[in-house]
Protein backbone atom coordinates (compact mmCIF):
# COMPACT_ATOMS: atom_id res chain seq x y z
CA MET A 1 -9.88 2.07 5.19
CA VAL A 2 -9.08 3.36 1.86
CA LEU A 3 -5.60 3.51 2.37
CA LYS A 4 -5.72 -0.26 3.97
CA LYS A 5 -7.44 -1.33 1.22
CA PHE A 6 -5.32 -0.08 -1.24
CA LEU A 7 -2.02 -1.30 0.75
CA ALA A 8 -3.40 -4.87 0.81
CA SER A 9 -4.31 -4.81 -2.76
CA ASN A 10 -0.69 -4.50 -3.74
CA GLY A 11 -1.52 -1.46 -5.99
CA ARG A 12 1.00 -0.48 -8.43
CA TYR A 13 0.08 3.36 -8.60
CA GLY A 14 -0.79 6.04 -6.00
CA PHE A 15 0.99 5.03 -3.24
CA PRO A 16 1.25 7.66 0.18
CA GLY A 17 3.99 10.41 -0.65
CA THR A 18 4.77 9.34 -4.32
CA ASP A 19 4.48 11.85 -7.11
CA GLY A 20 3.18 10.17 -9.46
CA THR A 21 6.10 8.71 -11.55
CA MET A 22 6.95 5.17 -12.23
CA ASN A 23 10.20 5.04 -10.08
CA SER A 24 8.56 6.78 -6.88
CA ASN A 25 5.75 3.83 -7.47
CA TYR A 26 8.08 1.19 -7.80
CA ILE A 27 10.22 2.11 -4.42
CA ALA A 28 7.06 2.12 -2.53
CA TYR A 29 5.54 -0.96 -4.15
CA THR A 30 8.95 -2.60 -3.14
CA TYR A 31 8.76 -1.04 0.05
CA ASN A 32 5.46 -2.75 1.07
CA THR A 33 5.94 -6.25 -1.02
CA HIS A 34 9.45 -7.40 -0.53
CA PRO A 35 9.60 -10.26 1.76
CA LEU A 36 12.78 -9.02 3.59
CA VAL A 37 12.90 -5.44 3.01
CA SER A 38 9.20 -4.72 3.67
CA ILE A 39 9.67 -5.87 7.29
CA PHE A 40 11.41 -2.39 7.78
CA THR A 41 10.35 -0.17 5.42
CA ALA A 42 6.38 -1.11 5.00
CA HIS A 43 3.93 1.62 5.42
CA GLU A 44 2.83 1.62 9.01
CA GLU A 45 -1.24 1.52 8.24
CA HIS A 46 -0.46 -1.53 5.89
CA PRO A 47 -2.95 -4.24 7.20
CA PHE A 48 0.20 -6.99 7.09
CA ASP A 49 1.95 -5.50 10.16
CA ARG A 50 5.61 -5.57 11.07
CA SER A 51 5.09 -9.20 13.36
CA GLU A 52 3.23 -11.01 10.59
CA ARG A 53 5.84 -10.34 8.19
CA VAL A 54 8.33 -11.53 10.65
CA GLN A 55 6.64 -14.66 11.16
CA TYR A 56 6.14 -14.94 7.29
CA LEU A 57 10.00 -14.80 6.55
CA ILE A 58 10.37 -17.46 9.47
CA CYS A 59 7.91 -20.07 7.77
CA MET A 60 9.70 -19.19 4.11
CA THR A 61 13.37 -19.73 5.92
CA CYS A 62 12.04 -23.04 7.10
CA ILE A 63 10.69 -23.98 3.53
CA THR A 64 13.58 -23.16 1.69
CA PHE A 65 15.84 -25.08 4.42
CA MET A 66 13.96 -27.89 3.66
CA PHE A 67 14.11 -27.54 -0.43
CA ALA A 68 17.90 -26.94 0.24
CA SER A 69 18.73 -29.85 2.07
CA ILE A 70 16.81 -32.19 -0.57
CA PHE A 71 18.54 -30.62 -3.50
CA ALA A 72 22.14 -30.37 -1.79
CA SER A 73 22.06 -34.43 -0.76
CA THR A 74 21.52 -35.27 -4.47
CA ASP A 75 24.03 -36.11 -7.10
CA GLU A 76 27.04 -34.42 -6.17
CA GLY A 77 27.67 -33.92 -10.06
CA ILE A 78 25.31 -31.06 -10.09
CA ASN A 79 26.58 -27.65 -9.46
CA PRO A 80 25.88 -26.36 -5.84
CA TYR A 81 25.08 -22.97 -7.83
CA THR A 82 22.35 -24.69 -9.95
CA LYS A 83 21.16 -26.14 -6.57
CA SER A 84 20.65 -22.99 -5.05
CA LEU A 85 18.68 -21.51 -8.41
CA THR A 86 16.77 -24.66 -8.29
CA VAL A 87 15.70 -24.10 -4.44
CA ALA A 88 15.24 -20.18 -5.26
CA LEU A 89 12.61 -21.08 -8.22
CA PHE A 90 10.78 -23.33 -6.09
CA THR A 91 10.11 -21.19 -3.21
CA ILE A 92 9.07 -17.85 -5.24
CA PRO A 93 5.70 -19.28 -6.23
CA LEU A 94 5.05 -20.90 -2.79
CA ASP A 95 6.14 -17.60 -1.47
CA ALA A 96 3.73 -15.77 -3.39
CA PHE A 97 0.84 -18.21 -2.34
CA VAL A 98 1.41 -18.07 1.19
CA ARG A 99 1.65 -14.40 1.15
CA ALA A 100 -1.83 -13.99 -0.58
CA LEU A 101 -3.03 -16.25 2.28
CA LEU A 102 -2.12 -14.42 4.75
CA VAL A 103 -2.62 -11.00 3.78
CA CYS A 104 -6.50 -11.59 2.83
CA GLY A 105 -6.03 -8.27 0.53
CA TRP A 106 -8.99 -9.35 -1.57
CA VAL A 107 -11.74 -8.99 2.06
CA GLN A 108 -10.54 -5.36 2.63
CA GLY A 109 -13.70 -3.52 3.22
CA TRP A 110 -15.98 -6.21 3.13
CA LYS A 111 -18.16 -7.19 5.68
CA ILE A 112 -16.49 -10.36 5.91
CA GLN A 113 -13.35 -8.53 6.50
CA ARG A 114 -12.91 -9.29 10.47
CA THR A 115 -13.52 -13.14 9.97
CA CYS A 116 -11.17 -13.59 7.04
CA GLU A 117 -8.68 -11.88 9.09
CA ASP A 118 -9.08 -14.18 12.02
CA ILE A 119 -8.68 -16.98 9.91
CA GLY A 120 -5.22 -15.30 8.19
CA HIS A 121 -3.97 -15.11 11.63
CA CYS A 122 -5.06 -18.95 12.43
CA CYS A 123 -3.32 -20.06 9.15
CA MET A 124 -0.57 -17.94 9.98
CA ARG A 125 -0.25 -20.31 13.29
CA GLY A 126 -0.96 -23.21 11.07
CA VAL A 127 1.52 -22.36 8.68
CA LEU A 128 4.24 -21.66 11.35
CA CYS A 129 3.88 -25.20 12.67
CA VAL A 130 3.75 -26.90 9.15
CA ALA A 131 7.15 -24.87 8.48
CA PHE A 132 8.87 -26.02 11.69
CA LEU A 133 7.91 -29.49 10.44
CA PHE A 134 10.03 -28.90 7.26
CA LEU A 135 12.61 -27.55 9.12
CA LEU A 136 12.81 -30.61 10.87
CA VAL A 137 12.80 -32.74 7.63
CA GLY A 138 15.44 -30.35 6.53
CA VAL A 139 17.66 -31.55 9.41
CA PHE A 140 16.56 -34.93 9.42
CA THR A 141 17.77 -35.09 5.84
CA ALA A 142 20.76 -33.02 6.05
CA ALA A 143 21.75 -35.75 8.83
CA ALA A 144 21.17 -38.56 6.88
CA SER A 145 22.32 -37.28 3.72
CA GLU A 146 25.66 -39.27 2.24
CA THR A 147 26.63 -36.85 -0.38
CA ALA A 148 26.94 -33.65 1.54
CA ASN A 149 27.61 -32.66 4.74
CA PHE A 150 26.22 -29.88 6.96
CA GLY A 151 28.21 -26.91 5.34
CA ASP A 152 27.62 -27.55 1.99
CA ILE A 153 23.59 -27.76 2.61
CA MET A 154 23.99 -24.46 4.37
CA TYR A 155 26.15 -23.24 0.96
CA VAL A 156 23.02 -24.07 -0.76
CA TYR A 157 20.59 -23.12 1.35
CA GLY A 158 22.14 -19.49 2.19
CA LEU A 159 22.48 -18.85 -1.96
CA GLY A 160 19.19 -20.20 -2.75
CA GLN A 161 17.86 -17.56 0.26
CA ILE A 162 20.00 -14.47 -1.18
CA GLN A 163 18.86 -15.47 -4.77
CA SER A 164 15.19 -15.64 -4.32
CA TRP A 165 15.07 -12.39 -2.73
CA VAL A 166 16.87 -11.06 -5.50
CA ILE A 167 14.79 -12.60 -8.24
CA LYS A 168 11.74 -11.17 -6.17
CA PHE A 169 13.35 -7.74 -7.37
CA ILE A 170 13.43 -9.06 -10.67
CA THR A 171 10.14 -10.75 -11.06
CA SER A 172 8.46 -7.83 -9.17
CA TYR A 173 10.09 -5.08 -11.47
CA THR A 174 8.86 -7.30 -14.52
CA MET A 175 5.13 -7.06 -13.41
CA PHE A 176 5.32 -3.77 -12.42
CA LEU A 177 6.50 -2.66 -15.64
CA LEU A 178 3.51 -4.66 -17.46
CA PHE A 179 0.84 -3.27 -14.92
CA PHE A 180 1.77 0.30 -14.05
CA ASN A 181 0.12 1.79 -17.08
CA ARG A 182 -3.29 -0.27 -16.59
CA ALA A 183 -2.82 0.65 -12.46
CA LYS A 184 -2.50 4.37 -13.18
CA ALA A 185 -5.49 4.84 -15.81
CA SER A 186 -7.19 2.87 -13.47
CA PHE A 187 -6.46 5.14 -10.10
CA ARG A 188 -7.12 8.13 -12.28
CA LYS A 189 -10.30 6.84 -13.42
CA LYS A 190 -11.07 6.36 -9.82
CA TYR A 191 -9.49 9.78 -8.42
CA PRO A 192 -9.67 12.33 -11.51
CA GLY A 193 -6.84 14.48 -11.23
CA LEU A 194 -5.29 12.89 -8.32
CA THR A 195 -1.67 11.17 -7.89
CA SER A 196 -1.67 9.17 -4.68
CA ILE A 197 -3.47 8.21 -1.41
CA GLU A 198 -2.31 9.63 1.90
CA VAL A 199 -1.88 8.84 5.25
CA ASP A 200 -5.32 9.94 6.39
CA GLY A 201 -7.13 7.82 3.63
CA LEU A 202 -7.99 11.06 1.15
CA PRO A 203 -6.36 11.34 -2.02
CA LYS A 204 -3.19 13.55 -2.80
CA ILE A 205 -4.23 16.55 -4.96
CA SER A 206 -2.08 17.11 -8.02
CA GLU A 207 -1.15 21.10 -8.22
CA THR A 208 -3.61 21.36 -11.49
CA ALA A 209 -6.24 20.08 -9.25
CA ALA A 210 -5.19 21.67 -6.53
CA SER A 211 -5.25 24.93 -8.29
CA GLY A 212 -8.61 24.33 -9.46
CA VAL A 213 -10.33 23.34 -6.52
CA VAL A 214 -8.87 26.59 -4.59
CA ALA A 215 -10.46 28.70 -7.53
CA GLY A 216 -14.06 27.10 -7.48
CA LEU A 217 -13.73 27.50 -3.76
CA THR A 218 -13.06 31.23 -4.25
CA LEU A 219 -15.86 32.00 -6.80
CA ILE A 220 -18.52 30.32 -4.44
CA ALA A 221 -17.29 32.37 -1.12
CA MET A 222 -17.39 35.29 -3.37
CA GLN A 223 -20.69 34.55 -4.34
CA GLU A 224 -21.86 33.74 -1.06
CA LYS A 225 -20.70 37.15 0.52
CA LYS A 226 -22.51 39.08 -2.69
CA ASP A 227 -25.90 37.23 -1.75
CA LYS A 228 -25.38 38.10 2.01
CA VAL A 229 -24.39 42.12 1.27
CA LEU A 230 -27.41 41.97 -1.06
CA THR A 231 -29.91 39.96 1.58
CA LEU A 232 -28.59 42.53 4.12
CA THR A 233 -29.19 45.58 2.04
CA LYS A 234 -32.79 44.44 0.89
CA ASN A 235 -33.45 43.91 4.70
CA ILE A 236 -32.26 47.54 6.04
CA PHE A 237 -34.38 49.05 2.97
CA ARG A 238 -37.45 47.13 4.31
CA GLY A 239 -37.05 48.10 7.60
CA LYS A 240 -35.74 44.84 8.87
CA GLY A 241 -32.52 43.75 10.61
CA ALA A 242 -31.30 47.42 11.50
CA ASN A 243 -32.24 50.20 13.96
CA VAL A 244 -33.25 52.60 11.15
CA LYS A 245 -35.96 55.22 11.80
CA GLN A 246 -38.17 56.08 9.25
CA GLY A 247 -37.49 59.10 6.98
CA GLU A 248 -33.36 58.61 7.37
CA GLU A 249 -32.81 57.87 3.87
CA GLY A 250 -29.65 59.36 3.90
CA THR A 251 -28.32 56.74 7.15
CA LYS A 252 -30.02 54.10 4.99
CA VAL A 253 -27.82 55.07 1.63
CA GLY A 254 -24.80 55.43 3.78
CA THR A 255 -25.26 52.10 5.05
CA VAL A 256 -25.59 50.62 1.59
CA GLY A 257 -22.67 52.17 0.54
CA GLY A 258 -20.37 51.34 3.27
CA LEU A 259 -21.57 47.75 2.60
CA LEU A 260 -21.07 47.88 -0.93
CA SER A 261 -17.54 49.31 -0.69
CA ILE A 262 -16.48 46.67 1.83
CA ASN A 263 -17.04 44.19 -0.82
């Protein structure tokens, strides 16, 4: 649950398999958030699974095509590159909104999580239906256009789609730089001495913290062993827990000496 909640929240520090550096966390962040790359690289425990990501990509593809049809059919004097860039800038904020709606990252761990996830699945189906309507609008717009043929529209669409994915890298990296230190401080405050959340939901301990834990456990074990020996020694002298006859003081002393030598 800890890991799923972390992944759904789009955290910027503490991804599984990272070493605490900015580069390793940015790569993991991109693997789990980019609309295209994450289909193949998202963590297996991410609540937004591969099938949902594919449906989400189809939705955004249909919406992008509609915008491309509209802008490609405008004034011929506008450069196709400018049109495609406009398409990309229009779809990026819409992309972020749709993804936030479908992931439901803010309810992970809440009692209403299951309900919200069911609502999210219904929203996915609804968004898919709306996206196909947008696709039909784009097709009809392209067919009715007198200023652009189908090839021009596909050029604007393809270029706009690629630009939106590239811009996503740039914007995500910018936001990552702005909030990385804050996310790092928040994570370390919540999990002192730790560097990442691992697959089993338990935080990964840094080398320094690990050595401290090992030293602490060693001291506890030694103390427990010492207490056990002292308790057993007292029982022997009291005649409890051992088959010792009265008067066999030499046997008692020998037994105690042997236990102490073991410790």
